[in-house]
Each structure stands twice: as C-alpha cells, then as structure tokens.
Amino acid sequence: MREKLFAVNIDWFRVVCRAHIPTLLTQLVKLEMNLLFLCLLPFLFYSFFSLLKLILQRRGQSCYMLAYECFMPPEDTKLNTDSAAKIVLRNRKLRLEELRFLLKTMVSSGIGENTYCPRTVLEGREECPSLKETYEEIDEIMFDTLDNLFKKTGISPSEIDILVVNVSLFSPAPSLTARIINRYKMRENVKAFNLTGMGCSASVVGIDVVQQLFKTYKNSVGIVVSTEDLGAHWYCGTDKKMMLSNCLFRSGGCSMMFTNKSSLKGRAILKLKHMERTQYGADDEAYNCCIQVEDEQGYSGFRLTKSLVKSAAQALTVNLQAMAPKILPVWEMVRFFFASVRYSGMKKREMLPLLTGLFLGKNKTKKTKVNLLGGGLNFKTGIEHFCVHPGGRAVIDGVGKGLRLTEYDLEPARMALHRWGNTSAGGLWYVLGYMEAKKRLKKGDRILMISLGAGFKCNNCVWEVMRDLSHTNVWKDCIESYPPENIINPFKEKYNWINDEYLSFVRLDFSRMVL
C-alpha cells in the first residue's frame, strides 16, 4: 500500500513540476531582469544626462565667423615703381652691388605696382619716425576696419565680450587693446589680450585664443584685429638679408568677428572645424631664420635667411601630420600608409610609429620618417580650398609643391601677394577675400588656412563655409582684372640698366640721381 501511495505521490509531483516549473522559471528570469534593470537604471540616467550635457556644451563651444573686414589703404600711400625706386635711392649707403640685389629681388618677388606703404617711408622719415606717426599708422588700420566691421554686422562695440589684438612690432603702454576699448567705450568686463612678437601667423593664434575662451564663456562675441607697424621698423642699412623685408612687407590688416551664440549661427559665414598650432622654435636654424636684429652698423631690422623655406617645410610637415587624421577620410590615410610601406622598403618595427603618427596624429620626434609633403597624401580628398600665407613667391611655391596643388589652388595667394604684398598677419584674409570675390566659396566647402611666422611657427586651421559667399569686399575695384596675363614687375623694364657692365667701372652717387 505504501509503495502504491509513494508511486502516486511521485507521479503527482512530476505532473505539478511539469505544469508549474516553467512558469516559475519564467517569473524568476523576469525578476532577475527587473533587478538588473533597476541596478542599471542609475548608470543609464547618468550616461544619458552626461551625453546631453556634452552635446549642450559642444553647441556652446562652436566658433563661428560673422564677418571680416580687410583694410583698404588710401590712394596717396600707393607704392608704384617710381616711388619704390626713390625710396631705395634715398639710402646713400647703398653701393652698386646692393642696388643690383634689390632690383633682382623686386623683379622676382611676385609683388605688383599697386601695393601700399606707410606715409613715414613715402615722405622720407623712415630713419627717425615719431611715436605720433606710429600711432597714426596703426590707428588708421584698426579703426577703419573696426568701423566697417561694426557697420556690416550691426553689432555694437558694447556687445563685444572678447578683444584680441596682434601687432608684432609695436607694443605701447597702455596697450592697443586698451586704445580700442577707449575709442569705442566698450564694457568694463571685456576680456582683452594684446599679442606681440607672433609674426605673420599671429592672426590664427588670435583666433585660437578666442575659440579657447568660447569653451568657458557662453553666448559671447569676440573680435580679432591683425596688422603690423612698418613705418617705425623700415630697415635703413645695407645687409642683403635684412633688405628683403623692405621688398616684401606692405601696409594692410584685417579685423574679424566671431561668436558662439546659437542665435547668431544663421548669420555666420564660416565655422571653425579644426585648429592645429606648431611651435618649431627649439630648432636653432628655424628660430634664427626670421629674426629681428641689428646689423654691424647698428641699424635694426628683420633678417630673413635662406633656411626660411626649409624651416617652413619642416614646421608645416609636423603640423599637417597632427592635422591630417582630423581632416582626411580614413581610406586616404590607409592608402597612403600602404603606399609608404611599399615604396619606402619600411621594416616591420617602423610600421607602428608610422601608424601612430598617421591615424592618431602623434609623433614623438620632430622629423618624420615619411614626408607628408609630397609623399603621396592627397589633401584635396578632405579640403576644397587652400588659403596659403602670401609671404613671398618662394613660400607659395614651396607649399604648392609640397601639397601638390595646382595653379588654380595657388592663384588666390599669388594674386594677394601681387596686389597687396606681404601684409604680415593680415595676409591670409586678403587671400580669403579673393576667393570670395571670385565666388569660389560654396556652402559646405572646407578651407585650409596655412599660416607661417617667426619663431618658427606654423598655425593652421580648417573652416567650413556656412553659405555661398560672393561679397566683393576689398577687391571690388580690381577683381575683374585678376588674374592678369602676367605678373612681371615693371621694375626690370625701367631699371634694368643698373645691370650694365660699364657701371662697375664708374663711380656714381645714386643718391643724387633724379628719376
């Protein structure tokens, strides 16, 4: 009887288990899932709000350009061929050898007859410029561009939150930023920065200062003013390396307005996408290739050495190695890597540093194993327009050759150099103005700005065009005549007689020569 009862109980237990255990297991699984979800819920909430906060922060950190205004010097400061010759012959210390050097330099410089020069130099006071004249030279550029900038944007000086001024060779007290604040009666809490000694790449440095401040100060408007003082720093000696600056540098400048306000995004013309700054000053040759010194006679000026182009190429290579992974598509980086390995015979142990340098933008050494300039990287896969610093024909040619750019790509830089000369930190904006006046800039296009300056520095940035741009700007009176059929300087045609051999046997006083 017991055995039968036990068997019945076992059967009953099996039936119960078959009927209820699956349901019980399902409920246990659901309970575990609910407990797991409850445990993960705080983490999910934290992740969601962190992501939302990051998105909101990045929205407020974007740097948009609202407008820029290049300086248009007055016609009475135009430096044509005859005016330039008079300035040269006014220096009684120059010998026939130096005069021939200046003629050769002017002819090959790529600069035309329509550049501008400070009144101090045109009127013969370059050896003893006054502080008043220096202020007048700088004030004319700063205030003219700022007046036009405020008028163009409709934003008043009282709305400016950040002000950056870069003039490398003139640093008075009170500062030039204080001078602007006083002129326009800006607010007491405006954040002002006066940058000096930054050379031709100072404009991009100023933009970097603004965009870094935008990460902290939301809903702000910033201004960068870039120009240079030439009148008080005109070289009056006979050192050939220092006379080069007189042949290249001309009057000019630019003021730019930026914002991170979302309400002004619709009015922006450009958006800053990437910024990369390289300081190559640890290299002695690079540091000394462009430097302010005194010659043996005590005349101060800028000495430009033959290593300038080499130093520029090295700094640009290091800079683009860090920037390339950010602006070029992955497939282009992969293609370049395999091409480099295939044609350079690279060993396995050298591949990892190359991969790290290419895809992470990290390079522990100053000199790369594989030269990015001319090494096969096609920057046109990520960039539509190249805004090259118009520092001189050799610099433009070097950058063009290294990046394998066409004459169409280099045309804006060449034309800016021909029309305005090397206007130091303001030069990039005359190049950009040419692109805009020629209606090249379309919505979505990307612009790579390449700036090179004393130190030695290479500061590059990438902009995205926010809408089609076609403003004629400072080029409005001459854009139809560019590019000209040729950019030969008329200096050679007018003054090539100075190369005649018979002059080497005749003692002439060129300072008394009437042109």
Protein backbone atom coordinates (compact mmCIF):
# COMPACT_ATOMS: atom_id res chain seq x y z
CA MET A 1 0.00 0.00 0.00
CA ARG A 2 2.80 2.35 0.91
CA GLU A 3 4.60 1.65 -2.33
CA LYS A 4 1.49 2.44 -4.35
CA LEU A 5 0.93 5.65 -2.37
CA PHE A 6 4.56 6.65 -2.85
CA ALA A 7 4.34 5.99 -6.59
CA VAL A 8 1.17 8.10 -6.80
CA ASN A 9 2.88 10.97 -4.97
CA ILE A 10 5.84 10.82 -7.32
CA ASP A 11 3.57 10.89 -10.32
CA TRP A 12 1.64 13.79 -8.82
CA PHE A 13 4.89 15.64 -8.12
CA ARG A 14 6.03 15.13 -11.72
CA VAL A 15 2.75 16.49 -13.03
CA VAL A 16 2.99 19.52 -10.76
CA CYS A 17 6.59 20.18 -11.76
CA ARG A 18 5.77 19.88 -15.44
CA ALA A 19 2.88 22.26 -15.02
CA HIS A 20 4.41 24.94 -12.76
CA ILE A 21 8.23 24.86 -13.03
CA PRO A 22 8.38 26.55 -16.49
CA THR A 23 6.10 29.29 -15.19
CA LEU A 24 8.19 29.61 -12.06
CA LEU A 25 11.41 29.78 -14.05
CA THR A 26 9.92 32.41 -16.32
CA GLN A 27 8.94 34.51 -13.32
CA LEU A 28 12.42 34.13 -11.84
CA VAL A 29 14.00 35.27 -15.11
CA LYS A 30 11.67 38.28 -15.24
CA LEU A 31 12.53 39.09 -11.65
CA GLU A 32 16.25 38.92 -12.43
CA MET A 33 15.79 41.16 -15.48
CA ASN A 34 13.84 43.67 -13.42
CA LEU A 35 16.51 43.65 -10.74
CA LEU A 36 19.23 44.06 -13.38
CA PHE A 37 17.34 46.92 -15.00
CA LEU A 38 16.90 48.61 -11.61
CA CYS A 39 20.63 48.25 -10.97
CA LEU A 40 21.49 49.68 -14.40
CA LEU A 41 18.91 52.47 -14.26
CA PRO A 42 21.13 54.96 -12.35
CA PHE A 43 24.00 54.29 -14.76
CA LEU A 44 21.71 54.77 -17.77
CA PHE A 45 20.37 58.03 -16.35
CA TYR A 46 23.92 59.22 -15.64
CA SER A 47 25.09 58.30 -19.16
CA PHE A 48 22.09 59.99 -20.77
CA PHE A 49 22.49 63.24 -18.86
CA SER A 50 26.28 63.22 -19.36
CA LEU A 51 25.79 62.82 -23.11
CA LEU A 52 23.15 65.55 -23.12
CA LYS A 53 25.44 67.84 -21.15
CA LEU A 54 28.33 67.15 -23.54
CA ILE A 55 26.13 67.94 -26.55
CA LEU A 56 24.93 71.18 -24.99
CA GLN A 57 28.48 72.14 -24.06
CA ARG A 58 29.79 71.49 -27.57
CA ARG A 59 26.95 73.55 -29.03
CA GLY A 60 28.07 76.49 -26.95
CA GLN A 61 31.75 75.96 -27.79
CA SER A 62 31.47 76.24 -31.57
CA CYS A 63 33.32 79.16 -33.11
CA TYR A 64 31.52 80.93 -35.96
CA MET A 65 32.86 83.82 -38.01
CA LEU A 66 30.27 86.51 -38.58
CA ALA A 67 32.35 88.79 -40.81
CA TYR A 68 35.84 90.05 -41.60
CA GLU A 69 37.00 93.40 -42.93
CA CYS A 70 40.32 93.97 -44.71
CA PHE A 71 41.97 97.38 -44.72
CA MET A 72 41.92 99.40 -47.93
CA PRO A 73 44.80 101.93 -47.70
CA PRO A 74 44.29 105.42 -49.15
CA GLU A 75 45.46 106.07 -52.70
CA ASP A 76 48.11 108.59 -51.63
CA THR A 77 50.06 105.76 -49.96
CA LYS A 78 50.31 103.61 -53.10
CA LEU A 79 53.82 102.38 -53.82
CA ASN A 80 54.38 102.28 -57.57
CA THR A 81 57.65 101.57 -59.36
CA ASP A 82 58.95 105.15 -59.30
CA SER A 83 58.07 105.65 -55.62
CA ALA A 84 59.86 102.43 -54.71
CA ALA A 85 62.94 103.48 -56.67
CA LYS A 86 63.06 106.85 -54.91
CA ILE A 87 62.90 105.16 -51.51
CA VAL A 88 65.74 102.82 -52.47
CA LEU A 89 67.98 105.55 -53.89
CA ARG A 90 67.39 107.70 -50.82
CA ASN A 91 69.65 105.32 -48.90
CA ARG A 92 73.09 106.82 -49.61
CA LYS A 93 74.88 103.88 -48.05
CA LEU A 94 73.84 101.51 -50.85
CA ARG A 95 76.50 100.50 -53.36
CA LEU A 96 76.03 99.20 -56.88
CA GLU A 97 76.10 95.61 -55.61
CA GLU A 98 73.23 96.21 -53.18
CA LEU A 99 71.21 98.10 -55.80
CA ARG A 100 71.52 95.20 -58.23
CA PHE A 101 70.45 92.82 -55.47
CA LEU A 102 67.37 94.94 -54.72
CA LEU A 103 66.44 95.08 -58.40
CA LYS A 104 66.73 91.30 -58.71
CA THR A 105 64.68 90.79 -55.54
CA MET A 106 61.91 93.17 -56.58
CA VAL A 107 61.63 91.65 -60.04
CA SER A 108 61.33 88.09 -58.69
CA SER A 109 59.21 88.92 -55.63
CA GLY A 110 55.80 88.47 -57.26
CA ILE A 111 54.69 91.90 -55.99
CA GLY A 112 52.98 94.36 -58.33
CA GLU A 113 52.71 98.14 -58.58
CA ASN A 114 49.55 98.60 -56.53
CA THR A 115 50.77 97.84 -53.01
CA TYR A 116 50.80 100.40 -50.20
CA CYS A 117 53.43 101.81 -47.88
CA PRO A 118 53.35 103.90 -44.66
CA ARG A 119 53.48 107.68 -45.11
CA THR A 120 56.53 107.77 -42.86
CA VAL A 121 58.52 105.90 -45.52
CA LEU A 122 56.96 107.59 -48.55
CA GLU A 123 57.78 111.02 -47.14
CA GLY A 124 61.36 110.14 -46.20
CA ARG A 125 61.17 109.94 -42.41
CA GLU A 126 61.90 106.23 -42.04
CA GLU A 127 65.19 106.83 -40.19
CA CYS A 128 63.58 108.93 -37.46
CA PRO A 129 59.88 108.03 -37.14
CA SER A 130 57.95 109.65 -34.31
CA LEU A 131 55.67 107.87 -31.85
CA LYS A 132 52.79 110.02 -33.08
CA GLU A 133 53.26 108.79 -36.65
CA THR A 134 53.38 105.18 -35.48
CA TYR A 135 50.10 105.63 -33.61
CA GLU A 136 48.55 107.24 -36.68
CA GLU A 137 49.64 104.34 -38.90
CA ILE A 138 48.17 101.71 -36.57
CA ASP A 139 45.04 103.71 -35.69
CA GLU A 140 44.12 104.17 -39.34
CA ILE A 141 44.15 100.41 -39.94
CA MET A 142 42.50 99.33 -36.68
CA PHE A 143 39.72 101.89 -36.54
CA ASP A 144 38.88 101.83 -40.25
CA THR A 145 38.42 98.04 -40.27
CA LEU A 146 36.55 98.03 -36.95
CA ASP A 147 34.18 100.80 -38.05
CA ASN A 148 33.31 98.84 -41.18
CA LEU A 149 33.00 95.60 -39.20
CA PHE A 150 30.50 97.05 -36.72
CA LYS A 151 28.56 98.60 -39.58
CA LYS A 152 28.47 95.37 -41.59
CA THR A 153 27.33 93.13 -38.71
CA GLY A 154 25.05 95.57 -36.92
CA ILE A 155 26.67 94.55 -33.62
CA SER A 156 27.68 97.46 -31.40
CA PRO A 157 31.02 97.75 -29.54
CA SER A 158 29.17 97.41 -26.22
CA GLU A 159 28.22 93.83 -27.18
CA ILE A 160 31.83 92.68 -27.54
CA ASP A 161 32.95 90.21 -24.85
CA ILE A 162 36.46 89.31 -26.09
CA LEU A 163 39.05 91.50 -27.82
CA VAL A 164 42.38 90.23 -29.20
CA VAL A 165 44.88 92.50 -30.98
CA ASN A 166 48.09 91.26 -32.57
CA VAL A 167 50.73 93.72 -33.76
CA SER A 168 54.14 92.09 -33.54
CA LEU A 169 56.48 95.09 -33.63
CA PHE A 170 54.60 97.78 -31.67
CA SER A 171 53.69 97.33 -28.03
CA PRO A 172 52.93 100.68 -26.35
CA ALA A 173 51.52 101.32 -22.89
CA PRO A 174 48.57 101.49 -22.49
CA SER A 175 48.14 98.57 -24.86
CA LEU A 176 46.49 98.73 -28.27
CA THR A 177 43.55 96.76 -26.87
CA ALA A 178 43.10 99.50 -24.26
CA ARG A 179 43.24 102.06 -27.08
CA ILE A 180 40.39 100.30 -28.89
CA ILE A 181 38.35 99.94 -25.69
CA ASN A 182 38.75 103.68 -25.05
CA ARG A 183 37.85 104.62 -28.62
CA TYR A 184 34.64 102.56 -28.71
CA LYS A 185 33.75 102.83 -24.99
CA MET A 186 33.49 99.08 -24.52
CA ARG A 187 32.26 97.41 -21.35
CA GLU A 188 34.39 97.13 -18.22
CA ASN A 189 34.32 93.32 -18.24
CA VAL A 190 35.56 92.84 -21.81
CA LYS A 191 38.37 90.26 -21.88
CA ALA A 192 41.28 91.92 -23.67
CA PHE A 193 44.51 90.34 -24.95
CA ASN A 194 47.39 92.17 -26.64
CA LEU A 195 49.68 89.74 -28.53
CA THR A 196 53.10 90.86 -29.78
CA GLY A 197 56.05 89.18 -31.46
CA MET A 198 53.92 86.45 -33.06
CA GLY A 199 54.88 87.32 -36.64
CA CYS A 200 52.88 86.52 -39.75
CA SER A 201 50.93 83.67 -38.13
CA ALA A 202 49.57 85.87 -35.32
CA SER A 203 46.08 86.05 -36.79
CA VAL A 204 45.45 82.32 -36.37
CA VAL A 205 46.92 82.50 -32.85
CA GLY A 206 44.39 85.22 -32.02
CA ILE A 207 41.55 83.05 -33.32
CA ASP A 208 42.77 80.18 -31.15
CA VAL A 209 42.64 82.45 -28.09
CA VAL A 210 39.03 83.36 -28.91
CA GLN A 211 37.89 79.77 -29.53
CA GLN A 212 39.52 78.59 -26.29
CA LEU A 213 37.68 81.31 -24.35
CA PHE A 214 34.42 80.30 -26.04
CA LYS A 215 34.69 76.96 -24.20
CA THR A 216 34.33 78.81 -20.90
CA TYR A 217 32.23 81.85 -21.77
CA LYS A 218 28.93 81.04 -23.45
CA ASN A 219 26.91 83.37 -25.69
CA SER A 220 29.91 85.59 -26.38
CA VAL A 221 31.11 87.76 -29.25
CA GLY A 222 34.84 88.16 -29.93
CA ILE A 223 36.98 90.32 -32.20
CA VAL A 224 40.50 89.75 -33.52
CA VAL A 225 42.46 92.66 -35.02
CA SER A 226 45.60 91.77 -37.02
CA THR A 227 48.02 94.24 -38.57
CA GLU A 228 51.66 95.35 -38.43
CA ASP A 229 53.69 98.50 -37.87
CA LEU A 230 56.06 99.02 -40.81
CA GLY A 231 56.94 102.72 -40.72
CA ALA A 232 58.91 102.57 -37.48
CA HIS A 233 60.74 99.38 -38.48
CA TRP A 234 61.91 100.14 -42.00
CA TYR A 235 65.46 98.88 -42.47
CA CYS A 236 67.91 101.62 -43.44
CA GLY A 237 71.14 99.62 -43.65
CA THR A 238 72.91 97.61 -46.35
CA ASP A 239 72.69 93.97 -45.16
CA LYS A 240 71.13 91.99 -48.02
CA LYS A 241 69.40 89.52 -45.70
CA MET A 242 67.72 92.41 -43.89
CA MET A 243 66.80 94.39 -47.02
CA LEU A 244 64.49 91.56 -48.08
CA SER A 245 61.81 92.65 -45.61
CA ASN A 246 61.64 96.10 -47.26
CA CYS A 247 60.97 94.40 -50.59
CA LEU A 248 58.21 92.12 -49.30
CA PHE A 249 56.23 93.78 -46.49
CA ARG A 250 53.46 96.27 -47.21
CA SER A 251 50.66 98.07 -45.35
CA GLY A 252 47.49 96.15 -44.59
CA GLY A 253 45.46 94.49 -41.88
CA CYS A 254 42.14 92.91 -41.01
CA SER A 255 39.51 92.76 -38.25
CA MET A 256 37.35 89.66 -37.74
CA MET A 257 34.27 88.99 -35.61
CA PHE A 258 33.42 85.62 -34.05
CA THR A 259 30.65 84.23 -31.88
CA ASN A 260 29.42 81.06 -30.15
CA LYS A 261 25.84 82.31 -29.82
CA SER A 262 23.35 79.86 -31.30
CA SER A 263 21.05 82.79 -32.09
CA LEU A 264 23.70 84.24 -34.45
CA LYS A 265 24.56 80.95 -36.14
CA GLY A 266 22.29 81.73 -39.08
CA ARG A 267 24.30 84.88 -39.86
CA ALA A 268 27.70 83.15 -39.81
CA ILE A 269 29.81 82.84 -42.95
CA LEU A 270 32.35 80.30 -41.65
CA LYS A 271 32.58 77.69 -38.89
CA LEU A 272 35.88 76.69 -37.32
CA LYS A 273 36.30 72.91 -37.63
CA HIS A 274 39.90 72.24 -36.63
CA MET A 275 42.88 74.15 -35.25
CA GLU A 276 46.48 72.98 -35.04
CA ARG A 277 49.42 75.02 -33.76
CA THR A 278 53.08 74.02 -34.13
CA GLN A 279 56.00 75.78 -32.43
CA TYR A 280 59.30 74.79 -34.04
CA GLY A 281 61.44 77.23 -32.05
CA ALA A 282 63.53 74.53 -30.34
CA ASP A 283 65.41 74.14 -33.63
CA ASP A 284 68.16 76.81 -33.72
CA GLU A 285 68.13 77.12 -37.50
CA ALA A 286 64.36 77.58 -37.55
CA TYR A 287 64.44 80.05 -34.67
CA ASN A 288 67.03 82.27 -36.39
CA CYS A 289 65.68 82.12 -39.95
CA CYS A 290 63.37 85.10 -39.37
CA ILE A 291 64.51 87.31 -36.51
CA GLN A 292 64.69 90.98 -35.52
CA VAL A 293 68.33 92.02 -35.05
CA GLU A 294 70.77 94.90 -35.53
CA ASP A 295 73.35 94.88 -38.31
CA GLU A 296 77.03 95.78 -37.92
CA GLN A 297 76.25 99.49 -38.32
CA GLY A 298 73.57 99.38 -35.61
CA TYR A 299 70.52 99.53 -37.92
CA SER A 300 67.69 97.32 -36.70
CA GLY A 301 65.51 95.23 -38.97
CA PHE A 302 64.32 91.74 -39.79
CA ARG A 303 66.87 89.24 -41.04
CA LEU A 304 65.49 86.58 -43.41
CA THR A 305 67.91 83.72 -44.11
CA LYS A 306 68.00 81.06 -46.83
CA SER A 307 66.84 78.43 -44.34
CA LEU A 308 63.42 80.10 -44.08
CA VAL A 309 61.80 77.90 -46.73
CA LYS A 310 63.39 74.75 -45.24
CA SER A 311 62.18 75.63 -41.73
CA ALA A 312 58.71 76.40 -43.06
CA ALA A 313 58.56 72.98 -44.75
CA GLN A 314 59.63 71.19 -41.56
CA ALA A 315 57.12 73.04 -39.37
CA LEU A 316 54.34 72.52 -41.92
CA THR A 317 55.10 68.79 -42.12
CA VAL A 318 54.86 68.36 -38.34
CA ASN A 319 51.67 70.42 -38.23
CA LEU A 320 49.92 68.53 -41.02
CA GLN A 321 50.92 65.18 -39.52
CA ALA A 322 48.86 66.11 -36.46
CA MET A 323 46.02 67.59 -38.51
CA ALA A 324 45.72 65.02 -41.32
CA PRO A 325 43.78 62.36 -39.32
CA LYS A 326 41.22 65.02 -38.38
CA ILE A 327 40.54 66.37 -41.86
CA LEU A 328 41.18 63.50 -44.30
CA PRO A 329 38.98 60.42 -44.88
CA VAL A 330 40.19 57.12 -43.40
CA TRP A 331 40.54 55.48 -46.81
CA GLU A 332 43.06 58.15 -47.86
CA MET A 333 45.14 57.56 -44.73
CA VAL A 334 45.07 53.78 -45.33
CA ARG A 335 46.04 54.23 -48.99
CA PHE A 336 48.96 56.47 -48.02
CA PHE A 337 50.14 54.02 -45.34
CA PHE A 338 50.31 51.05 -47.72
CA ALA A 339 51.91 53.19 -50.43
CA SER A 340 54.56 54.37 -47.95
CA VAL A 341 55.32 50.83 -46.80
CA ARG A 342 55.50 49.54 -50.36
CA TYR A 343 57.76 52.18 -51.88
CA SER A 344 59.99 53.03 -48.92
CA GLY A 345 61.02 49.47 -48.02
CA MET A 346 59.98 50.08 -44.43
CA LYS A 347 60.80 47.46 -41.80
CA LYS A 348 58.15 45.95 -39.54
CA ARG A 349 59.39 47.73 -36.42
CA GLU A 350 58.98 51.08 -38.20
CA MET A 351 55.34 50.46 -39.14
CA LEU A 352 53.85 51.01 -35.68
CA PRO A 353 55.31 54.54 -35.24
CA LEU A 354 54.07 55.40 -38.73
CA LEU A 355 50.58 54.10 -37.94
CA THR A 356 50.53 56.04 -34.68
CA GLY A 357 51.66 59.20 -36.43
CA LEU A 358 49.19 58.91 -39.28
CA PHE A 359 46.00 57.81 -37.56
CA LEU A 360 46.47 59.36 -34.11
CA GLY A 361 48.44 62.41 -35.17
CA LYS A 362 51.19 61.64 -32.64
CA ASN A 363 54.87 61.99 -33.42
CA LYS A 364 57.43 61.88 -30.63
CA THR A 365 60.23 63.04 -32.88
CA LYS A 366 60.50 66.35 -34.67
CA LYS A 367 61.31 64.82 -38.05
CA THR A 368 59.05 62.28 -39.64
CA LYS A 369 60.25 59.06 -41.25
CA VAL A 370 57.86 59.58 -44.14
CA ASN A 371 57.49 63.07 -45.55
CA LEU A 372 53.81 64.00 -45.67
CA LEU A 373 54.56 66.87 -48.04
CA GLY A 374 54.98 65.37 -51.46
CA GLY A 375 54.89 61.87 -50.01
CA GLY A 376 51.58 60.96 -51.58
CA LEU A 377 48.89 62.27 -49.21
CA ASN A 378 46.16 63.90 -51.25
CA PHE A 379 44.80 66.72 -49.08
CA LYS A 380 42.19 67.51 -51.71
CA THR A 381 40.21 64.49 -50.51
CA GLY A 382 39.29 66.50 -47.41
CA ILE A 383 39.83 70.12 -48.46
CA GLU A 384 38.34 72.17 -51.32
CA HIS A 385 40.27 75.46 -50.93
CA PHE A 386 43.81 76.27 -49.77
CA CYS A 387 44.37 79.68 -48.20
CA VAL A 388 48.18 79.93 -48.23
CA HIS A 389 50.01 82.74 -46.44
CA PRO A 390 51.21 85.20 -49.13
CA GLY A 391 54.61 85.66 -47.51
CA GLY A 392 56.58 85.54 -50.75
CA ARG A 393 56.80 83.71 -54.03
CA ALA A 394 59.23 81.11 -52.65
CA VAL A 395 56.90 80.27 -49.75
CA ILE A 396 53.87 79.92 -52.02
CA ASP A 397 55.83 77.77 -54.49
CA GLY A 398 57.15 75.58 -51.67
CA VAL A 399 53.73 74.93 -50.14
CA GLY A 400 52.22 74.30 -53.56
CA LYS A 401 54.90 71.79 -54.48
CA GLY A 402 54.71 70.02 -51.13
CA LEU A 403 50.93 69.63 -51.17
CA ARG A 404 50.82 69.04 -54.94
CA LEU A 405 48.50 71.98 -55.51
CA THR A 406 47.53 73.29 -58.92
CA GLU A 407 47.91 76.85 -60.17
CA TYR A 408 44.17 77.25 -59.61
CA ASP A 409 44.68 76.38 -55.93
CA LEU A 410 47.58 78.82 -55.57
CA GLU A 411 46.01 81.63 -57.59
CA PRO A 412 44.42 83.41 -54.56
CA ALA A 413 47.74 83.53 -52.68
CA ARG A 414 49.70 84.69 -55.74
CA MET A 415 47.17 87.40 -56.57
CA ALA A 416 47.04 88.62 -52.96
CA LEU A 417 50.83 88.89 -52.95
CA HIS A 418 50.79 90.72 -56.29
CA ARG A 419 48.04 93.18 -55.31
CA TRP A 420 48.80 93.79 -51.62
CA GLY A 421 52.27 92.39 -50.92
CA ASN A 422 53.07 90.60 -47.67
CA THR A 423 50.76 92.28 -45.15
CA SER A 424 52.04 90.06 -42.31
CA ALA A 425 49.29 88.62 -40.09
CA GLY A 426 46.57 90.19 -42.22
CA GLY A 427 47.70 88.48 -45.42
CA LEU A 428 45.50 85.37 -45.09
CA TRP A 429 42.34 87.47 -45.17
CA TYR A 430 43.23 89.17 -48.45
CA VAL A 431 43.63 85.65 -49.87
CA LEU A 432 40.24 84.64 -48.46
CA GLY A 433 38.76 87.86 -49.83
CA TYR A 434 39.98 86.94 -53.32
CA MET A 435 38.26 83.55 -53.09
CA GLU A 436 35.03 85.21 -52.00
CA ALA A 437 35.18 87.93 -54.65
CA LYS A 438 35.71 85.26 -57.32
CA LYS A 439 32.63 83.40 -55.95
CA ARG A 440 34.60 80.23 -55.30
CA LEU A 441 33.26 79.59 -51.80
CA LYS A 442 30.10 77.45 -51.71
CA LYS A 443 28.12 76.10 -48.78
CA GLY A 444 29.78 73.05 -47.25
CA ASP A 445 33.23 73.74 -48.74
CA ARG A 446 36.24 73.34 -46.46
CA ILE A 447 39.10 75.84 -46.38
CA LEU A 448 42.57 75.04 -45.06
CA MET A 449 44.34 78.18 -43.81
CA ILE A 450 48.12 77.79 -43.74
CA SER A 451 49.98 80.45 -41.77
CA LEU A 452 53.74 80.59 -41.18
CA GLY A 453 55.56 83.03 -38.93
CA ALA A 454 58.69 83.91 -36.99
CA GLY A 455 59.55 81.69 -34.08
CA PHE A 456 59.32 79.44 -36.12
CA LYS A 457 55.59 78.80 -36.07
CA CYS A 458 53.10 77.02 -38.29
CA ASN A 459 49.48 77.58 -37.28
CA ASN A 460 46.80 76.04 -39.47
CA CYS A 461 43.03 75.86 -39.23
CA VAL A 462 40.13 74.44 -41.23
CA TRP A 463 36.89 76.34 -41.85
CA GLU A 464 33.55 75.15 -43.19
CA VAL A 465 31.64 77.56 -45.42
CA MET A 466 28.16 78.11 -43.97
CA ARG A 467 26.58 79.62 -47.09
CA ASP A 468 27.51 80.65 -50.62
CA LEU A 469 29.79 83.71 -50.40
CA SER A 470 30.09 86.34 -53.10
CA HIS A 471 30.86 89.66 -51.39
CA THR A 472 33.39 91.64 -53.46
CA ASN A 473 34.93 93.20 -50.31
CA VAL A 474 38.29 94.96 -50.59
CA TRP A 475 38.83 93.51 -54.08
CA LYS A 476 35.78 95.22 -55.56
CA ASP A 477 37.72 97.81 -57.61
CA CYS A 478 40.12 95.38 -59.27
CA ILE A 479 38.78 91.81 -59.10
CA GLU A 480 37.76 91.83 -62.78
CA SER A 481 41.37 92.42 -63.83
CA TYR A 482 42.66 89.41 -61.90
CA PRO A 483 44.42 87.22 -62.66
CA PRO A 484 46.42 89.40 -65.09
CA GLU A 485 48.04 87.92 -68.18
CA ASN A 486 51.41 88.19 -66.47
CA ILE A 487 52.67 89.34 -63.09
CA ILE A 488 56.06 90.58 -64.25
CA ASN A 489 57.22 93.52 -62.17
CA PRO A 490 57.91 96.60 -64.38
CA PHE A 491 60.99 97.29 -62.26
CA LYS A 492 63.11 95.24 -64.65
CA GLU A 493 61.96 97.10 -67.74
CA LYS A 494 62.55 100.52 -66.19
CA TYR A 495 65.72 99.98 -64.22
CA ASN A 496 67.49 97.04 -65.84
CA TRP A 497 70.18 99.47 -66.96
CA ILE A 498 71.68 99.15 -63.50
CA ASN A 499 72.95 95.71 -64.54
CA ASP A 500 75.07 97.16 -67.36
CA GLU A 501 78.69 96.10 -67.01
CA TYR A 502 80.13 99.57 -67.61
CA LEU A 503 78.62 100.81 -64.35
CA SER A 504 81.03 98.54 -62.48
CA PHE A 505 83.91 100.79 -63.60
CA VAL A 506 82.19 104.12 -62.91
CA ARG A 507 81.79 105.72 -59.50
CA LEU A 508 78.25 107.06 -59.24
CA ASP A 509 76.38 108.83 -56.45
CA PHE A 510 72.98 107.18 -56.80
CA SER A 511 71.51 109.29 -54.01
CA ARG A 512 71.69 112.37 -56.26
CA MET A 513 70.10 110.66 -59.23
CA VAL A 514 66.87 112.27 -60.47
CA LEU A 515 64.23 109.82 -61.74
